[in-house]
Amino acid sequence: MERLRAVCLALPEVEERVSHGEPTWFAGAGRRARVFAMLSDHHHDDRLAFWCPAAAGAQEFLISEEPEWFFRPPYVGHRGWVGVRLDVTPLDWERIEDLVADAHALVTGRAP
């Protein structure tokens, strides 16, 4: 959790707030701030994970390639968001950093 927080907060114009009872990271200022990562601490299942938006087609690809690590999260999965498990080992933090940076870029319109 602390490492994910550090990864998210290292990106530009990021604020952490609690949303839906979980730490959530917003990119942008004021009313234009948009969620790009949300912790999911056993939310309706037994997984510790985070959810983030993904580029078109990425969700299906990631889940089909590594279903033990990626999943379609409830509520936002139908919009292309991907769930990333944090309770499997070993964790690939370089890949997590890339996914978070891509999600940030997606909601801000900036290249990662």
C-alpha atoms as a PDB file:
ATOM      1  CA  MET A   1       0.000   0.000   0.000  1.00  0.00           C
ATOM      2  CA  GLU A   2       2.721   2.468   0.900  1.00  0.00           C
ATOM      3  CA  ARG A   3       4.695   1.659  -2.216  1.00  0.00           C
ATOM      4  CA  LEU A   4       1.626   2.089  -4.427  1.00  0.00           C
ATOM      5  CA  ARG A   5       0.946   5.410  -2.691  1.00  0.00           C
ATOM      6  CA  ALA A   6       4.510   6.569  -3.421  1.00  0.00           C
ATOM      7  CA  VAL A   7       4.225   5.540  -7.084  1.00  0.00           C
ATOM      8  CA  CYS A   8       0.968   7.458  -7.498  1.00  0.00           C
ATOM      9  CA  LEU A   9       2.046  10.566  -5.609  1.00  0.00           C
ATOM     10  CA  ALA A  10       5.274  10.811  -7.632  1.00  0.00           C
ATOM     11  CA  LEU A  11       3.235  11.754 -10.715  1.00  0.00           C
ATOM     12  CA  PRO A  12       2.332  15.394 -11.492  1.00  0.00           C
ATOM     13  CA  GLU A  13      -0.806  17.052 -10.104  1.00  0.00           C
ATOM     14  CA  VAL A  14      -1.881  14.079  -7.986  1.00  0.00           C
ATOM     15  CA  GLU A  15      -3.986  14.181  -4.864  1.00  0.00           C
ATOM     16  CA  GLU A  16      -4.965  11.278  -2.637  1.00  0.00           C
ATOM     17  CA  ARG A  17      -8.483  11.194  -1.215  1.00  0.00           C
ATOM     18  CA  VAL A  18     -10.695   8.517   0.241  1.00  0.00           C
ATOM     19  CA  SER A  19     -13.418   7.537  -2.207  1.00  0.00           C
ATOM     20  CA  HIS A  20     -15.836   4.672  -1.659  1.00  0.00           C
ATOM     21  CA  GLY A  21     -13.944   3.910   1.553  1.00  0.00           C
ATOM     22  CA  GLU A  22     -10.589   3.302  -0.169  1.00  0.00           C
ATOM     23  CA  PRO A  23      -7.478   5.392  -0.840  1.00  0.00           C
ATOM     24  CA  THR A  24      -7.926   6.829  -4.328  1.00  0.00           C
ATOM     25  CA  TRP A  25      -5.591   8.918  -6.466  1.00  0.00           C
ATOM     26  CA  PHE A  26      -6.866  11.780  -8.598  1.00  0.00           C
ATOM     27  CA  ALA A  27      -4.958  13.569 -11.365  1.00  0.00           C
ATOM     28  CA  GLY A  28      -5.678  17.149 -12.334  1.00  0.00           C
ATOM     29  CA  ALA A  29      -6.937  20.193 -10.504  1.00  0.00           C
ATOM     30  CA  GLY A  30     -10.279  20.978  -8.916  1.00  0.00           C
ATOM     31  CA  ARG A  31     -13.383  19.686 -10.638  1.00  0.00           C
ATOM     32  CA  ARG A  32     -11.315  18.407 -13.531  1.00  0.00           C
ATOM     33  CA  ALA A  33      -9.471  15.920 -11.306  1.00  0.00           C
ATOM     34  CA  ARG A  34     -10.103  12.358 -12.417  1.00  0.00           C
ATOM     35  CA  VAL A  35      -9.424   9.022 -10.740  1.00  0.00           C
ATOM     36  CA  PHE A  36      -6.487   7.104 -12.170  1.00  0.00           C
ATOM     37  CA  ALA A  37      -5.884   4.546  -9.417  1.00  0.00           C
ATOM     38  CA  MET A  38      -7.936   3.157  -6.563  1.00  0.00           C
ATOM     39  CA  LEU A  39      -6.941   0.693  -3.878  1.00  0.00           C
ATOM     40  CA  SER A  40      -9.243  -2.276  -3.462  1.00  0.00           C
ATOM     41  CA  ASP A  41      -8.611  -3.817  -0.076  1.00  0.00           C
ATOM     42  CA  HIS A  42     -10.720  -6.974  -0.300  1.00  0.00           C
ATOM     43  CA  HIS A  43     -13.652  -5.044  -1.786  1.00  0.00           C
ATOM     44  CA  HIS A  44     -16.335  -7.687  -2.440  1.00  0.00           C
ATOM     45  CA  ASP A  45     -13.708 -10.420  -2.796  1.00  0.00           C
ATOM     46  CA  ASP A  46     -10.562 -11.822  -1.193  1.00  0.00           C
ATOM     47  CA  ARG A  47      -8.099  -9.747  -3.242  1.00  0.00           C
ATOM     48  CA  LEU A  48      -5.800  -6.913  -2.272  1.00  0.00           C
ATOM     49  CA  ALA A  49      -5.475  -4.980  -5.512  1.00  0.00           C
ATOM     50  CA  PHE A  50      -5.734  -1.652  -7.228  1.00  0.00           C
ATOM     51  CA  TRP A  51      -7.944  -0.664 -10.126  1.00  0.00           C
ATOM     52  CA  CYS A  52      -6.944   1.690 -12.922  1.00  0.00           C
ATOM     53  CA  PRO A  53      -8.185   2.732 -16.344  1.00  0.00           C
ATOM     54  CA  ALA A  54      -6.463   1.099 -19.291  1.00  0.00           C
ATOM     55  CA  ALA A  55      -6.209   1.854 -22.994  1.00  0.00           C
ATOM     56  CA  ALA A  56      -8.735   0.248 -25.326  1.00  0.00           C
ATOM     57  CA  GLY A  57      -8.114  -3.486 -25.580  1.00  0.00           C
ATOM     58  CA  ALA A  58      -5.550  -3.581 -22.764  1.00  0.00           C
ATOM     59  CA  GLN A  59      -7.904  -5.054 -20.170  1.00  0.00           C
ATOM     60  CA  GLU A  60      -8.736  -8.090 -22.303  1.00  0.00           C
ATOM     61  CA  PHE A  61      -5.115  -8.624 -23.275  1.00  0.00           C
ATOM     62  CA  LEU A  62      -3.752  -8.393 -19.720  1.00  0.00           C
ATOM     63  CA  ILE A  63      -6.415 -10.693 -18.264  1.00  0.00           C
ATOM     64  CA  SER A  64      -5.963 -13.290 -20.998  1.00  0.00           C
ATOM     65  CA  GLU A  65      -2.170 -13.244 -20.664  1.00  0.00           C
ATOM     66  CA  GLU A  66      -1.926 -13.266 -16.847  1.00  0.00           C
ATOM     67  CA  PRO A  67      -5.265 -14.043 -15.169  1.00  0.00           C
ATOM     68  CA  GLU A  68      -3.512 -14.753 -11.867  1.00  0.00           C
ATOM     69  CA  TRP A  69      -2.414 -11.110 -11.722  1.00  0.00           C
ATOM     70  CA  PHE A  70      -5.090  -9.154 -13.647  1.00  0.00           C
ATOM     71  CA  PHE A  71      -8.894  -9.173 -13.448  1.00  0.00           C
ATOM     72  CA  ARG A  72     -11.966  -7.237 -14.532  1.00  0.00           C
ATOM     73  CA  PRO A  73     -12.994  -5.161 -11.507  1.00  0.00           C
ATOM     74  CA  PRO A  74     -16.622  -4.632 -10.523  1.00  0.00           C
ATOM     75  CA  TYR A  75     -18.332  -1.298 -11.271  1.00  0.00           C
ATOM     76  CA  VAL A  76     -15.655   0.017 -13.663  1.00  0.00           C
ATOM     77  CA  GLY A  77     -14.538  -3.106 -15.513  1.00  0.00           C
ATOM     78  CA  HIS A  78     -17.151  -2.566 -18.211  1.00  0.00           C
ATOM     79  CA  ARG A  79     -15.404   0.762 -18.979  1.00  0.00           C
ATOM     80  CA  GLY A  80     -12.061  -0.938 -19.639  1.00  0.00           C
ATOM     81  CA  TRP A  81     -10.525  -0.581 -16.190  1.00  0.00           C
ATOM     82  CA  VAL A  82      -8.225  -3.355 -15.049  1.00  0.00           C
ATOM     83  CA  GLY A  83      -7.708  -4.804 -11.593  1.00  0.00           C
ATOM     84  CA  VAL A  84      -4.113  -5.501 -10.591  1.00  0.00           C
ATOM     85  CA  ARG A  85      -3.503  -7.878  -7.695  1.00  0.00           C
ATOM     86  CA  LEU A  86      -1.071  -6.798  -5.009  1.00  0.00           C
ATOM     87  CA  ASP A  87      -1.338 -10.016  -2.999  1.00  0.00           C
ATOM     88  CA  VAL A  88       0.522 -12.308  -5.395  1.00  0.00           C
ATOM     89  CA  THR A  89       4.247 -12.842  -5.416  1.00  0.00           C
ATOM     90  CA  PRO A  90       6.543 -11.810  -6.761  1.00  0.00           C
ATOM     91  CA  LEU A  91       5.229  -8.353  -7.583  1.00  0.00           C
ATOM     92  CA  ASP A  92       6.698  -6.658 -10.614  1.00  0.00           C
ATOM     93  CA  TRP A  93       6.930  -3.079  -9.371  1.00  0.00           C
ATOM     94  CA  GLU A  94       8.402  -1.822 -12.624  1.00  0.00           C
ATOM     95  CA  ARG A  95       5.312  -3.068 -14.430  1.00  0.00           C
ATOM     96  CA  ILE A  96       3.027  -1.623 -11.742  1.00  0.00           C
ATOM     97  CA  GLU A  97       4.754   1.746 -12.148  1.00  0.00           C
ATOM     98  CA  ASP A  98       4.169   1.555 -15.908  1.00  0.00           C
ATOM     99  CA  LEU A  99       0.484   0.689 -15.477  1.00  0.00           C
ATOM    100  CA  VAL A 100      -0.011   3.562 -13.034  1.00  0.00           C
ATOM    101  CA  ALA A 101       1.837   6.005 -15.322  1.00  0.00           C
ATOM    102  CA  ASP A 102      -0.256   4.854 -18.290  1.00  0.00           C
ATOM    103  CA  ALA A 103      -3.479   5.315 -16.310  1.00  0.00           C
ATOM    104  CA  HIS A 104      -2.368   8.800 -15.241  1.00  0.00           C
ATOM    105  CA  ALA A 105      -1.566   9.685 -18.850  1.00  0.00           C
ATOM    106  CA  LEU A 106      -4.909   8.315 -20.005  1.00  0.00           C
ATOM    107  CA  VAL A 107      -6.950  10.532 -17.665  1.00  0.00           C
ATOM    108  CA  THR A 108      -4.777  13.637 -18.095  1.00  0.00           C
ATOM    109  CA  GLY A 109      -4.196  13.342 -21.838  1.00  0.00           C
ATOM    110  CA  ARG A 110      -0.429  13.510 -21.331  1.00  0.00           C
ATOM    111  CA  ALA A 111       2.103  11.077 -22.732  1.00  0.00           C
ATOM    112  CA  PRO A 112       3.628   8.820 -20.025  1.00  0.00           C
END
